[in-house]
Amino acid sequence: MNTAVLWTGGKDSALALHRSAGSGVRQLVTFVPPDAHFQAHDLELMTWQARALGLPHRRLVVDHPYREGYERALGELLASGIERVVTGDIAPVDGHPNFIASCAERVGMSVALPLWGVDRREHLRQIIALGFDVVLTFVNEPWLGAAWVGRHLDAQALSELDALSRDNGLDPAGENGEYHSMVLSGPGFQTALEVTGRTLSAPPQHRLEITGIAARSL
């Protein structure tokens, strides 16, 4: 079945892609607003990621009203020959059914959610164990401060996130917007990526402004 992975460049979509190996993945797809800009997920870095993964990266514009916009974009994918989309979503948002699955159902497209219902801490442990290099690109107070911007997700970071979860209720996987991430290397990557940048702070939010991207051989 011709499949596209819905791509943010972060840890969850990267693991979802890994779990979908051998399932007919033809491309990475990112839904973008008309101005095509994200604070947490750098679009240029996504282009580098796709190149490192050896997959085409397609951007589809989604405009207001959003549900109709997503349905139009999914319908466009279906018309181009993509029969299934894979999403890295892991849990309901505010108790609502999965948004992408709901939109896809209306246009007759299949959806796979390989991470749905995963235990948050086990999810992060698997990402680290598989060797994904994950960098935090955006954090929100009061859960995380500016010092977390640019940190890599490793065993030490996971231990600290666990402690913060007990102290301030942070979701270790960042499911409530506590943080966002981008993946620089890992399973499926033919080259590893390196980024340079600076932290931009506008409390309660802090983000990584990427100023340079390079690839190196693995």
C-alpha atoms as a PDB file:
ATOM      1  CA  MET A   1       0.000   0.000   0.000  1.00  0.00           C
ATOM      2  CA  ASN A   2       1.471   3.366  -1.024  1.00  0.00           C
ATOM      3  CA  THR A   3       2.138   5.205   2.227  1.00  0.00           C
ATOM      4  CA  ALA A   4       3.173   8.682   3.335  1.00  0.00           C
ATOM      5  CA  VAL A   5       4.480   9.505   6.804  1.00  0.00           C
ATOM      6  CA  LEU A   6       3.168  12.753   8.234  1.00  0.00           C
ATOM      7  CA  TRP A   7       6.402  14.511   9.081  1.00  0.00           C
ATOM      8  CA  THR A   8       7.231  17.130  11.699  1.00  0.00           C
ATOM      9  CA  GLY A   9      10.897  16.184  11.898  1.00  0.00           C
ATOM     10  CA  GLY A  10      10.515  15.413  15.592  1.00  0.00           C
ATOM     11  CA  LYS A  11      11.065  12.287  17.663  1.00  0.00           C
ATOM     12  CA  ASP A  12       7.549  10.872  17.268  1.00  0.00           C
ATOM     13  CA  SER A  13       7.327  11.110  13.490  1.00  0.00           C
ATOM     14  CA  ALA A  14      10.862   9.682  13.217  1.00  0.00           C
ATOM     15  CA  LEU A  15       9.942   6.666  15.332  1.00  0.00           C
ATOM     16  CA  ALA A  16       6.690   6.244  13.406  1.00  0.00           C
ATOM     17  CA  LEU A  17       8.698   6.171  10.172  1.00  0.00           C
ATOM     18  CA  HIS A  18      11.059   3.590  11.659  1.00  0.00           C
ATOM     19  CA  ARG A  19       8.123   1.423  12.734  1.00  0.00           C
ATOM     20  CA  SER A  20       6.729   1.670   9.196  1.00  0.00           C
ATOM     21  CA  ALA A  21       9.840   0.339   7.441  1.00  0.00           C
ATOM     22  CA  GLY A  22       8.826  -2.177   4.808  1.00  0.00           C
ATOM     23  CA  SER A  23       5.270  -0.820   4.664  1.00  0.00           C
ATOM     24  CA  GLY A  24       5.477   0.961   1.332  1.00  0.00           C
ATOM     25  CA  VAL A  25       6.556   4.409   2.530  1.00  0.00           C
ATOM     26  CA  ARG A  26       6.909   6.595  -0.559  1.00  0.00           C
ATOM     27  CA  GLN A  27       7.289  10.089   0.891  1.00  0.00           C
ATOM     28  CA  LEU A  28       7.271  12.381   3.894  1.00  0.00           C
ATOM     29  CA  VAL A  29       4.445  14.909   4.056  1.00  0.00           C
ATOM     30  CA  THR A  30       4.236  18.085   6.112  1.00  0.00           C
ATOM     31  CA  PHE A  31       1.057  20.114   6.390  1.00  0.00           C
ATOM     32  CA  VAL A  32       1.988  23.803   6.452  1.00  0.00           C
ATOM     33  CA  PRO A  33       0.066  27.062   6.954  1.00  0.00           C
ATOM     34  CA  PRO A  34      -0.052  29.563   4.081  1.00  0.00           C
ATOM     35  CA  ASP A  35       2.958  31.454   5.501  1.00  0.00           C
ATOM     36  CA  ALA A  36       4.878  28.128   5.748  1.00  0.00           C
ATOM     37  CA  HIS A  37       6.703  28.903   8.987  1.00  0.00           C
ATOM     38  CA  PHE A  38       7.039  26.989  12.250  1.00  0.00           C
ATOM     39  CA  GLN A  39       8.840  28.135  15.379  1.00  0.00           C
ATOM     40  CA  ALA A  40       9.576  24.651  16.698  1.00  0.00           C
ATOM     41  CA  HIS A  41      10.056  22.610  13.514  1.00  0.00           C
ATOM     42  CA  ASP A  42      12.416  24.190  11.012  1.00  0.00           C
ATOM     43  CA  LEU A  43      11.259  23.515   7.442  1.00  0.00           C
ATOM     44  CA  GLU A  44      14.746  23.775   5.973  1.00  0.00           C
ATOM     45  CA  LEU A  45      15.943  21.168   8.466  1.00  0.00           C
ATOM     46  CA  MET A  46      13.072  18.923   7.348  1.00  0.00           C
ATOM     47  CA  THR A  47      14.421  19.154   3.789  1.00  0.00           C
ATOM     48  CA  TRP A  48      17.839  18.037   5.041  1.00  0.00           C
ATOM     49  CA  GLN A  49      16.228  15.215   7.029  1.00  0.00           C
ATOM     50  CA  ALA A  50      14.367  13.941   3.983  1.00  0.00           C
ATOM     51  CA  ARG A  51      17.585  14.003   1.943  1.00  0.00           C
ATOM     52  CA  ALA A  52      19.397  12.077   4.697  1.00  0.00           C
ATOM     53  CA  LEU A  53      16.565   9.525   4.774  1.00  0.00           C
ATOM     54  CA  GLY A  54      16.458   9.187   0.984  1.00  0.00           C
ATOM     55  CA  LEU A  55      12.775  10.123   0.744  1.00  0.00           C
ATOM     56  CA  PRO A  56      10.897  12.897  -1.067  1.00  0.00           C
ATOM     57  CA  HIS A  57       9.463  15.600   1.195  1.00  0.00           C
ATOM     58  CA  ARG A  58       6.166  17.135   0.185  1.00  0.00           C
ATOM     59  CA  ARG A  59       4.565  20.229   1.710  1.00  0.00           C
ATOM     60  CA  LEU A  60       0.796  20.626   1.542  1.00  0.00           C
ATOM     61  CA  VAL A  61      -0.784  23.969   2.459  1.00  0.00           C
ATOM     62  CA  VAL A  62      -3.664  23.833   4.920  1.00  0.00           C
ATOM     63  CA  ASP A  63      -5.789  26.965   5.315  1.00  0.00           C
ATOM     64  CA  HIS A  64      -8.882  27.927   7.323  1.00  0.00           C
ATOM     65  CA  PRO A  65     -11.205  26.336   8.145  1.00  0.00           C
ATOM     66  CA  TYR A  66      -8.705  23.736   9.274  1.00  0.00           C
ATOM     67  CA  ARG A  67     -10.815  20.583   9.182  1.00  0.00           C
ATOM     68  CA  GLU A  68     -11.850  21.249   5.601  1.00  0.00           C
ATOM     69  CA  GLY A  69      -8.273  22.249   4.807  1.00  0.00           C
ATOM     70  CA  TYR A  70      -6.881  18.973   6.120  1.00  0.00           C
ATOM     71  CA  GLU A  71      -9.539  16.989   4.294  1.00  0.00           C
ATOM     72  CA  ARG A  72      -8.654  18.771   1.041  1.00  0.00           C
ATOM     73  CA  ALA A  73      -4.929  18.067   1.580  1.00  0.00           C
ATOM     74  CA  LEU A  74      -5.555  14.380   2.370  1.00  0.00           C
ATOM     75  CA  GLY A  75      -7.810  14.127  -0.661  1.00  0.00           C
ATOM     76  CA  GLU A  76      -4.999  15.563  -2.776  1.00  0.00           C
ATOM     77  CA  LEU A  77      -2.652  12.910  -1.414  1.00  0.00           C
ATOM     78  CA  LEU A  78      -5.186  10.193  -2.173  1.00  0.00           C
ATOM     79  CA  ALA A  79      -5.622  11.464  -5.731  1.00  0.00           C
ATOM     80  CA  SER A  80      -1.840  11.323  -6.204  1.00  0.00           C
ATOM     81  CA  GLY A  81      -1.767   7.619  -5.343  1.00  0.00           C
ATOM     82  CA  ILE A  82      -1.083   7.678  -1.585  1.00  0.00           C
ATOM     83  CA  GLU A  83      -3.475   5.218   0.028  1.00  0.00           C
ATOM     84  CA  ARG A  84      -2.387   5.445   3.652  1.00  0.00           C
ATOM     85  CA  VAL A  85      -0.837   7.999   5.996  1.00  0.00           C
ATOM     86  CA  VAL A  86       1.189   7.231   9.108  1.00  0.00           C
ATOM     87  CA  THR A  87       1.073   9.615  12.040  1.00  0.00           C
ATOM     88  CA  GLY A  88       3.295   9.741  15.114  1.00  0.00           C
ATOM     89  CA  ASP A  89       0.422  10.713  17.422  1.00  0.00           C
ATOM     90  CA  ILE A  90       0.521   8.806  20.697  1.00  0.00           C
ATOM     91  CA  ALA A  91      -2.577   9.919  22.636  1.00  0.00           C
ATOM     92  CA  PRO A  92      -5.909  11.747  22.347  1.00  0.00           C
ATOM     93  CA  VAL A  93      -5.864  15.543  22.654  1.00  0.00           C
ATOM     94  CA  ASP A  94      -8.288  16.783  25.319  1.00  0.00           C
ATOM     95  CA  GLY A  95     -10.169  13.507  25.046  1.00  0.00           C
ATOM     96  CA  HIS A  96     -11.055  13.985  21.365  1.00  0.00           C
ATOM     97  CA  PRO A  97     -10.672  11.261  18.703  1.00  0.00           C
ATOM     98  CA  ASN A  98      -7.516  11.453  16.607  1.00  0.00           C
ATOM     99  CA  PHE A  99      -7.931  14.439  14.292  1.00  0.00           C
ATOM    100  CA  ILE A 100      -6.012  13.046  11.315  1.00  0.00           C
ATOM    101  CA  ALA A 101      -7.817   9.706  11.505  1.00  0.00           C
ATOM    102  CA  SER A 102     -11.154  11.519  11.565  1.00  0.00           C
ATOM    103  CA  CYS A 103     -10.289  13.651   8.521  1.00  0.00           C
ATOM    104  CA  ALA A 104      -8.820  10.701   6.609  1.00  0.00           C
ATOM    105  CA  GLU A 105     -11.906   8.598   7.205  1.00  0.00           C
ATOM    106  CA  ARG A 106     -14.044  11.276   5.554  1.00  0.00           C
ATOM    107  CA  VAL A 107     -11.971  11.154   2.363  1.00  0.00           C
ATOM    108  CA  GLY A 108     -11.589   7.362   2.264  1.00  0.00           C
ATOM    109  CA  MET A 109      -7.924   7.139   3.254  1.00  0.00           C
ATOM    110  CA  SER A 110      -6.365   4.588   5.603  1.00  0.00           C
ATOM    111  CA  VAL A 111      -4.437   5.741   8.689  1.00  0.00           C
ATOM    112  CA  ALA A 112      -1.786   3.937  10.755  1.00  0.00           C
ATOM    113  CA  LEU A 113      -0.931   5.034  14.298  1.00  0.00           C
ATOM    114  CA  PRO A 114       2.018   2.807  15.292  1.00  0.00           C
ATOM    115  CA  LEU A 115       2.724   4.718  18.518  1.00  0.00           C
ATOM    116  CA  TRP A 116      -0.842   5.063  19.772  1.00  0.00           C
ATOM    117  CA  GLY A 117      -1.239   4.368  23.475  1.00  0.00           C
ATOM    118  CA  VAL A 118       2.468   3.857  24.158  1.00  0.00           C
ATOM    119  CA  ASP A 119       3.743   4.362  27.704  1.00  0.00           C
ATOM    120  CA  ARG A 120       5.441   7.768  27.718  1.00  0.00           C
ATOM    121  CA  ARG A 121       8.617   6.779  29.551  1.00  0.00           C
ATOM    122  CA  GLU A 122       9.030   3.549  27.608  1.00  0.00           C
ATOM    123  CA  HIS A 123       8.522   5.548  24.419  1.00  0.00           C
ATOM    124  CA  LEU A 124      11.456   7.820  25.262  1.00  0.00           C
ATOM    125  CA  ARG A 125      13.625   4.909  26.366  1.00  0.00           C
ATOM    126  CA  GLN A 126      13.050   3.206  23.021  1.00  0.00           C
ATOM    127  CA  ILE A 127      13.966   6.362  21.102  1.00  0.00           C
ATOM    128  CA  ILE A 128      17.248   6.591  23.002  1.00  0.00           C
ATOM    129  CA  ALA A 129      17.958   2.848  22.742  1.00  0.00           C
ATOM    130  CA  LEU A 130      17.442   2.896  18.965  1.00  0.00           C
ATOM    131  CA  GLY A 131      20.089   5.582  18.642  1.00  0.00           C
ATOM    132  CA  PHE A 132      18.030   8.561  17.522  1.00  0.00           C
ATOM    133  CA  ASP A 133      19.828  11.862  18.045  1.00  0.00           C
ATOM    134  CA  VAL A 134      17.051  14.176  19.242  1.00  0.00           C
ATOM    135  CA  VAL A 135      17.558  17.863  20.001  1.00  0.00           C
ATOM    136  CA  LEU A 136      15.037  20.037  21.844  1.00  0.00           C
ATOM    137  CA  THR A 137      14.129  23.047  19.704  1.00  0.00           C
ATOM    138  CA  PHE A 138      11.310  24.663  21.672  1.00  0.00           C
ATOM    139  CA  VAL A 139      10.376  24.660  25.364  1.00  0.00           C
ATOM    140  CA  ASN A 140       7.620  26.155  27.468  1.00  0.00           C
ATOM    141  CA  GLU A 141       7.685  27.440  31.024  1.00  0.00           C
ATOM    142  CA  PRO A 142       6.849  26.619  33.746  1.00  0.00           C
ATOM    143  CA  TRP A 143       7.855  23.082  32.790  1.00  0.00           C
ATOM    144  CA  LEU A 144      11.198  23.773  31.117  1.00  0.00           C
ATOM    145  CA  GLY A 145      13.474  26.810  31.005  1.00  0.00           C
ATOM    146  CA  ALA A 146      15.740  28.236  28.329  1.00  0.00           C
ATOM    147  CA  ALA A 147      18.657  26.017  29.363  1.00  0.00           C
ATOM    148  CA  TRP A 148      16.827  23.064  27.795  1.00  0.00           C
ATOM    149  CA  VAL A 149      16.918  24.576  24.305  1.00  0.00           C
ATOM    150  CA  GLY A 150      19.511  22.716  22.243  1.00  0.00           C
ATOM    151  CA  ARG A 151      19.822  19.833  24.720  1.00  0.00           C
ATOM    152  CA  HIS A 152      19.905  16.319  23.333  1.00  0.00           C
ATOM    153  CA  LEU A 153      17.553  13.618  24.550  1.00  0.00           C
ATOM    154  CA  ASP A 154      19.781  11.121  26.355  1.00  0.00           C
ATOM    155  CA  ALA A 155      19.629   9.061  29.534  1.00  0.00           C
ATOM    156  CA  GLN A 156      20.542  12.061  31.695  1.00  0.00           C
ATOM    157  CA  ALA A 157      17.876  14.244  30.098  1.00  0.00           C
ATOM    158  CA  LEU A 158      15.297  11.470  30.517  1.00  0.00           C
ATOM    159  CA  SER A 159      16.174  11.185  34.208  1.00  0.00           C
ATOM    160  CA  GLU A 160      15.708  14.939  34.637  1.00  0.00           C
ATOM    161  CA  LEU A 161      12.412  14.901  32.736  1.00  0.00           C
ATOM    162  CA  ASP A 162      11.182  12.135  35.052  1.00  0.00           C
ATOM    163  CA  ALA A 163      12.070  14.257  38.078  1.00  0.00           C
ATOM    164  CA  LEU A 164      10.339  17.303  36.606  1.00  0.00           C
ATOM    165  CA  SER A 165       7.280  15.193  35.883  1.00  0.00           C
ATOM    166  CA  ARG A 166       7.001  14.440  39.576  1.00  0.00           C
ATOM    167  CA  ASP A 167       7.654  18.056  40.563  1.00  0.00           C
ATOM    168  CA  ASN A 168       5.551  20.080  38.130  1.00  0.00           C
ATOM    169  CA  GLY A 169       3.379  17.602  36.207  1.00  0.00           C
ATOM    170  CA  LEU A 170       5.367  17.733  32.972  1.00  0.00           C
ATOM    171  CA  ASP A 171       4.480  15.050  30.428  1.00  0.00           C
ATOM    172  CA  PRO A 172       7.864  13.380  29.780  1.00  0.00           C
ATOM    173  CA  ALA A 173       7.020  12.998  26.084  1.00  0.00           C
ATOM    174  CA  GLY A 174       5.997  16.647  25.740  1.00  0.00           C
ATOM    175  CA  GLU A 175       2.434  15.784  24.756  1.00  0.00           C
ATOM    176  CA  ASN A 176       1.021  18.972  26.307  1.00  0.00           C
ATOM    177  CA  GLY A 177       3.400  21.262  24.447  1.00  0.00           C
ATOM    178  CA  GLU A 178       6.064  21.285  27.159  1.00  0.00           C
ATOM    179  CA  TYR A 179       8.719  20.883  24.464  1.00  0.00           C
ATOM    180  CA  HIS A 180       9.254  20.105  20.799  1.00  0.00           C
ATOM    181  CA  SER A 181      12.144  18.331  19.132  1.00  0.00           C
ATOM    182  CA  MET A 182      13.942  17.609  15.864  1.00  0.00           C
ATOM    183  CA  VAL A 183      15.860  14.458  14.933  1.00  0.00           C
ATOM    184  CA  LEU A 184      19.394  14.755  13.563  1.00  0.00           C
ATOM    185  CA  SER A 185      20.252  11.098  12.965  1.00  0.00           C
ATOM    186  CA  GLY A 186      19.161   7.574  13.751  1.00  0.00           C
ATOM    187  CA  PRO A 187      17.713   4.491  12.064  1.00  0.00           C
ATOM    188  CA  GLY A 188      17.175   5.087   8.361  1.00  0.00           C
ATOM    189  CA  PHE A 189      19.446   8.134   8.156  1.00  0.00           C
ATOM    190  CA  GLN A 190      22.189   7.790   5.541  1.00  0.00           C
ATOM    191  CA  THR A 191      24.006  10.845   6.925  1.00  0.00           C
ATOM    192  CA  ALA A 192      23.936  12.554  10.307  1.00  0.00           C
ATOM    193  CA  LEU A 193      22.941  16.200  10.575  1.00  0.00           C
ATOM    194  CA  GLU A 194      24.496  18.915  12.709  1.00  0.00           C
ATOM    195  CA  VAL A 195      22.917  22.266  13.485  1.00  0.00           C
ATOM    196  CA  THR A 196      24.172  25.549  14.860  1.00  0.00           C
ATOM    197  CA  GLY A 197      21.999  28.288  16.223  1.00  0.00           C
ATOM    198  CA  ARG A 198      21.053  30.510  19.096  1.00  0.00           C
ATOM    199  CA  THR A 199      18.354  30.594  21.737  1.00  0.00           C
ATOM    200  CA  LEU A 200      15.590  33.151  21.286  1.00  0.00           C
ATOM    201  CA  SER A 201      13.544  33.815  24.416  1.00  0.00           C
ATOM    202  CA  ALA A 202      10.107  35.365  24.711  1.00  0.00           C
ATOM    203  CA  PRO A 203       8.962  34.009  28.092  1.00  0.00           C
ATOM    204  CA  PRO A 204       7.228  31.734  28.696  1.00  0.00           C
ATOM    205  CA  GLN A 205       8.594  30.310  25.423  1.00  0.00           C
ATOM    206  CA  HIS A 206      12.174  29.686  24.335  1.00  0.00           C
ATOM    207  CA  ARG A 207      13.247  28.339  20.960  1.00  0.00           C
ATOM    208  CA  LEU A 208      16.252  27.410  18.895  1.00  0.00           C
ATOM    209  CA  GLU A 209      16.826  29.635  15.885  1.00  0.00           C
ATOM    210  CA  ILE A 210      18.794  27.453  13.497  1.00  0.00           C
ATOM    211  CA  THR A 211      21.473  29.402  11.636  1.00  0.00           C
ATOM    212  CA  GLY A 212      23.400  26.540  10.036  1.00  0.00           C
ATOM    213  CA  ILE A 213      22.883  22.931   8.965  1.00  0.00           C
ATOM    214  CA  ALA A 214      25.531  20.455   7.831  1.00  0.00           C
ATOM    215  CA  ALA A 215      25.654  16.752   7.030  1.00  0.00           C
ATOM    216  CA  ARG A 216      28.402  14.308   7.933  1.00  0.00           C
ATOM    217  CA  SER A 217      29.032  10.701   7.021  1.00  0.00           C
ATOM    218  CA  LEU A 218      28.001   7.999   9.456  1.00  0.00           C
END
